[in-house]
C-alpha atoms as a PDB file:
ATOM      1  CA  MET A   1      50.702 -42.529  -0.119  1.00  0.00           C
ATOM      2  CA  LYS A   2      52.778 -39.388  -0.326  1.00  0.00           C
ATOM      3  CA  PHE A   3      55.662 -39.403  -2.788  1.00  0.00           C
ATOM      4  CA  LYS A   4      58.177 -38.551  -0.034  1.00  0.00           C
ATOM      5  CA  LYS A   5      57.097 -41.637   1.920  1.00  0.00           C
ATOM      6  CA  LEU A   6      57.533 -43.749  -1.214  1.00  0.00           C
ATOM      7  CA  LEU A   7      61.033 -42.333  -1.777  1.00  0.00           C
ATOM      8  CA  ASP A   8      61.916 -43.044   1.876  1.00  0.00           C
ATOM      9  CA  PHE A   9      60.787 -46.649   1.343  1.00  0.00           C
ATOM     10  CA  ILE A  10      62.919 -46.846  -1.824  1.00  0.00           C
ATOM     11  CA  GLU A  11      65.949 -45.589   0.114  1.00  0.00           C
ATOM     12  CA  PHE A  12      65.387 -48.233   2.793  1.00  0.00           C
ATOM     13  CA  GLU A  13      64.827 -51.021   0.251  1.00  0.00           C
ATOM     14  CA  ASN A  14      67.843 -49.949  -1.773  1.00  0.00           C
ATOM     15  CA  ASN A  15      70.084 -50.113   1.304  1.00  0.00           C
ATOM     16  CA  ARG A  16      68.631 -53.467   2.344  1.00  0.00           C
ATOM     17  CA  ALA A  17      69.060 -54.915  -1.158  1.00  0.00           C
ATOM     18  CA  ILE A  18      72.691 -53.773  -1.245  1.00  0.00           C
ATOM     19  CA  SER A  19      73.384 -55.350   2.153  1.00  0.00           C
ATOM     20  CA  TYR A  20      71.837 -58.676   1.020  1.00  0.00           C
ATOM     21  CA  SER A  21      73.679 -58.762  -2.281  1.00  0.00           C
ATOM     22  CA  LYS A  22      77.218 -57.707  -1.451  1.00  0.00           C
ATOM     23  CA  TYR A  23      78.536 -60.111  -4.098  1.00  0.00           C
ATOM     24  CA  ILE A  24      77.096 -57.855  -6.818  1.00  0.00           C
ATOM     25  CA  LYS A  25      79.564 -55.223  -7.980  1.00  0.00           C
ATOM     26  CA  ASP A  26      78.260 -51.643  -8.009  1.00  0.00           C
ATOM     27  CA  ARG A  27      78.770 -51.384 -11.761  1.00  0.00           C
ATOM     28  CA  GLU A  28      76.588 -54.511 -12.272  1.00  0.00           C
ATOM     29  CA  ARG A  29      73.699 -53.316 -10.095  1.00  0.00           C
ATOM     30  CA  PRO A  30      72.019 -51.053 -12.730  1.00  0.00           C
ATOM     31  CA  TYR A  31      71.964 -53.914 -15.247  1.00  0.00           C
ATOM     32  CA  ILE A  32      70.542 -56.361 -12.739  1.00  0.00           C
ATOM     33  CA  ARG A  33      67.890 -53.833 -11.718  1.00  0.00           C
ATOM     34  CA  THR A  34      67.055 -53.224 -15.390  1.00  0.00           C
ATOM     35  CA  VAL A  35      66.518 -56.942 -15.936  1.00  0.00           C
ATOM     36  CA  LYS A  36      64.358 -57.028 -12.784  1.00  0.00           C
ATOM     37  CA  LEU A  37      62.335 -54.111 -14.156  1.00  0.00           C
ATOM     38  CA  MET A  38      61.739 -56.021 -17.382  1.00  0.00           C
ATOM     39  CA  GLU A  39      60.574 -59.030 -15.353  1.00  0.00           C
ATOM     40  CA  GLU A  40      58.094 -56.839 -13.455  1.00  0.00           C
ATOM     41  CA  ILE A  41      56.857 -55.252 -16.692  1.00  0.00           C
ATOM     42  CA  GLY A  42      56.253 -58.766 -18.052  1.00  0.00           C
ATOM     43  CA  GLU A  43      54.212 -59.657 -14.974  1.00  0.00           C
ATOM     44  CA  LEU A  44      52.203 -56.445 -15.373  1.00  0.00           C
ATOM     45  CA  CYS A  45      51.573 -57.328 -19.029  1.00  0.00           C
ATOM     46  CA  ASN A  46      50.233 -60.726 -17.972  1.00  0.00           C
ATOM     47  CA  GLU A  47      47.808 -59.035 -15.583  1.00  0.00           C
ATOM     48  CA  ILE A  48      46.690 -56.637 -18.315  1.00  0.00           C
ATOM     49  CA  ILE A  49      46.083 -59.594 -20.645  1.00  0.00           C
ATOM     50  CA  ALA A  50      44.022 -61.230 -17.879  1.00  0.00           C
ATOM     51  CA  TYR A  51      42.152 -57.931 -17.378  1.00  0.00           C
ATOM     52  CA  GLY A  52      41.091 -58.033 -21.028  1.00  0.00           C
ATOM     53  CA  ASN A  53      40.144 -61.694 -20.638  1.00  0.00           C
ATOM     54  CA  TYR A  54      42.679 -62.670 -23.319  1.00  0.00           C
ATOM     55  CA  GLN A  55      44.566 -65.078 -21.081  1.00  0.00           C
ATOM     56  CA  ARG A  56      44.391 -68.844 -21.622  1.00  0.00           C
ATOM     57  CA  LYS A  57      41.827 -70.505 -19.351  1.00  0.00           C
ATOM     58  CA  GLU A  58      44.459 -72.484 -17.465  1.00  0.00           C
ATOM     59  CA  LYS A  59      46.182 -69.232 -16.510  1.00  0.00           C
ATOM     60  CA  GLN A  60      45.114 -67.262 -13.450  1.00  0.00           C
ATOM     61  CA  ALA A  61      41.912 -65.257 -13.802  1.00  0.00           C
ATOM     62  CA  PHE A  62      41.962 -61.469 -13.509  1.00  0.00           C
ATOM     63  CA  SER A  63      42.380 -59.960 -10.058  1.00  0.00           C
ATOM     64  CA  LYS A  64      42.296 -56.208  -9.493  1.00  0.00           C
ATOM     65  CA  THR A  65      44.533 -56.669  -6.454  1.00  0.00           C
ATOM     66  CA  ASN A  66      47.149 -58.474  -8.566  1.00  0.00           C
ATOM     67  CA  LEU A  67      46.948 -55.732 -11.202  1.00  0.00           C
ATOM     68  CA  GLU A  68      47.467 -53.020  -8.573  1.00  0.00           C
ATOM     69  CA  GLU A  69      50.414 -54.878  -7.068  1.00  0.00           C
ATOM     70  CA  GLU A  70      52.073 -55.412 -10.456  1.00  0.00           C
ATOM     71  CA  PHE A  71      51.784 -51.682 -11.197  1.00  0.00           C
ATOM     72  CA  ALA A  72      53.327 -51.040  -7.759  1.00  0.00           C
ATOM     73  CA  ASP A  73      56.182 -53.462  -8.490  1.00  0.00           C
ATOM     74  CA  VAL A  74      56.990 -51.622 -11.725  1.00  0.00           C
ATOM     75  CA  VAL A  75      56.986 -48.244  -9.937  1.00  0.00           C
ATOM     76  CA  ILE A  76      59.104 -49.512  -7.024  1.00  0.00           C
ATOM     77  CA  VAL A  77      61.700 -51.231  -9.208  1.00  0.00           C
ATOM     78  CA  THR A  78      61.838 -48.184 -11.515  1.00  0.00           C
ATOM     79  CA  LEU A  79      62.497 -45.919  -8.530  1.00  0.00           C
ATOM     80  CA  MET A  80      65.143 -48.315  -7.202  1.00  0.00           C
ATOM     81  CA  LEU A  81      66.862 -48.295 -10.600  1.00  0.00           C
ATOM     82  CA  ALA A  82      66.781 -44.485 -10.626  1.00  0.00           C
ATOM     83  CA  LYS A  83      68.292 -44.471  -7.123  1.00  0.00           C
ATOM     84  CA  THR A  84      71.017 -46.883  -8.253  1.00  0.00           C
ATOM     85  CA  LEU A  85      71.916 -44.564 -11.128  1.00  0.00           C
ATOM     86  CA  GLY A  86      71.896 -41.462  -8.912  1.00  0.00           C
ATOM     87  CA  VAL A  87      68.891 -39.975 -10.686  1.00  0.00           C
ATOM     88  CA  ASP A  88      66.906 -37.313  -8.817  1.00  0.00           C
ATOM     89  CA  ILE A  89      63.504 -38.708  -9.756  1.00  0.00           C
ATOM     90  CA  SER A  90      61.606 -35.876  -8.029  1.00  0.00           C
ATOM     91  CA  ARG A  91      63.391 -33.300 -10.151  1.00  0.00           C
ATOM     92  CA  GLY A  92      62.960 -35.458 -13.252  1.00  0.00           C
ATOM     93  CA  ILE A  93      59.208 -35.722 -12.685  1.00  0.00           C
ATOM     94  CA  GLU A  94      58.881 -31.977 -12.041  1.00  0.00           C
ATOM     95  CA  ASN A  95      60.833 -31.184 -15.231  1.00  0.00           C
ATOM     96  CA  LYS A  96      58.779 -33.636 -17.277  1.00  0.00           C
ATOM     97  CA  ILE A  97      55.465 -32.272 -15.999  1.00  0.00           C
ATOM     98  CA  GLU A  98      56.644 -28.759 -16.854  1.00  0.00           C
ATOM     99  CA  LYS A  99      57.509 -29.857 -20.416  1.00  0.00           C
ATOM    100  CA  ILE A 100      54.163 -31.604 -20.832  1.00  0.00           C
ATOM    101  CA  ASN A 101      52.309 -28.530 -19.564  1.00  0.00           C
ATOM    102  CA  LYS A 102      54.231 -26.274 -21.985  1.00  0.00           C
ATOM    103  CA  ARG A 103      53.372 -28.596 -24.883  1.00  0.00           C
ATOM    104  CA  TYR A 104      49.727 -28.606 -23.855  1.00  0.00           C
ATOM    105  CA  LYS A 105      49.614 -24.805 -23.620  1.00  0.00           C
ATOM    106  CA  LYS A 106      51.274 -24.507 -27.016  1.00  0.00           C
ATOM    107  CA  LEU A 107      48.869 -27.018 -28.551  1.00  0.00           C
ATOM    108  CA  LYS A 108      45.884 -25.283 -26.953  1.00  0.00           C
ATOM    109  CA  LYS A 109      47.112 -21.900 -28.232  1.00  0.00           C
ATOM    110  CA  ASN A 110      47.463 -23.302 -31.768  1.00  0.00           C
ATOM    111  CA  LEU A 111      43.934 -24.700 -31.673  1.00  0.00           C
ATOM    112  CA  ILE A 112      42.382 -21.352 -30.796  1.00  0.00           C
END
């Protein structure tokens, strides 16, 4: 999936979520989305525990599909939170990659 398509989906989902939850004040939305993000991270952690076969036997066994979907949930909710806060995630990612690349070049230069 192209990143632009993902961001278009986030825009659509964000608008739909706002229309379904009109009782939530705009100033509360970032906090609610942050709590939702933590919930999704917890679900991802459970899948990672299952992946390592460290889950109790009565819990669900590992499923690659579940793991993929939990990663997707974390990405989607993170992007929705960024949208809620007015963060330009594309620019943020570009800036971060540039910083990482500069650090890598500097490290590589120091190793030579």
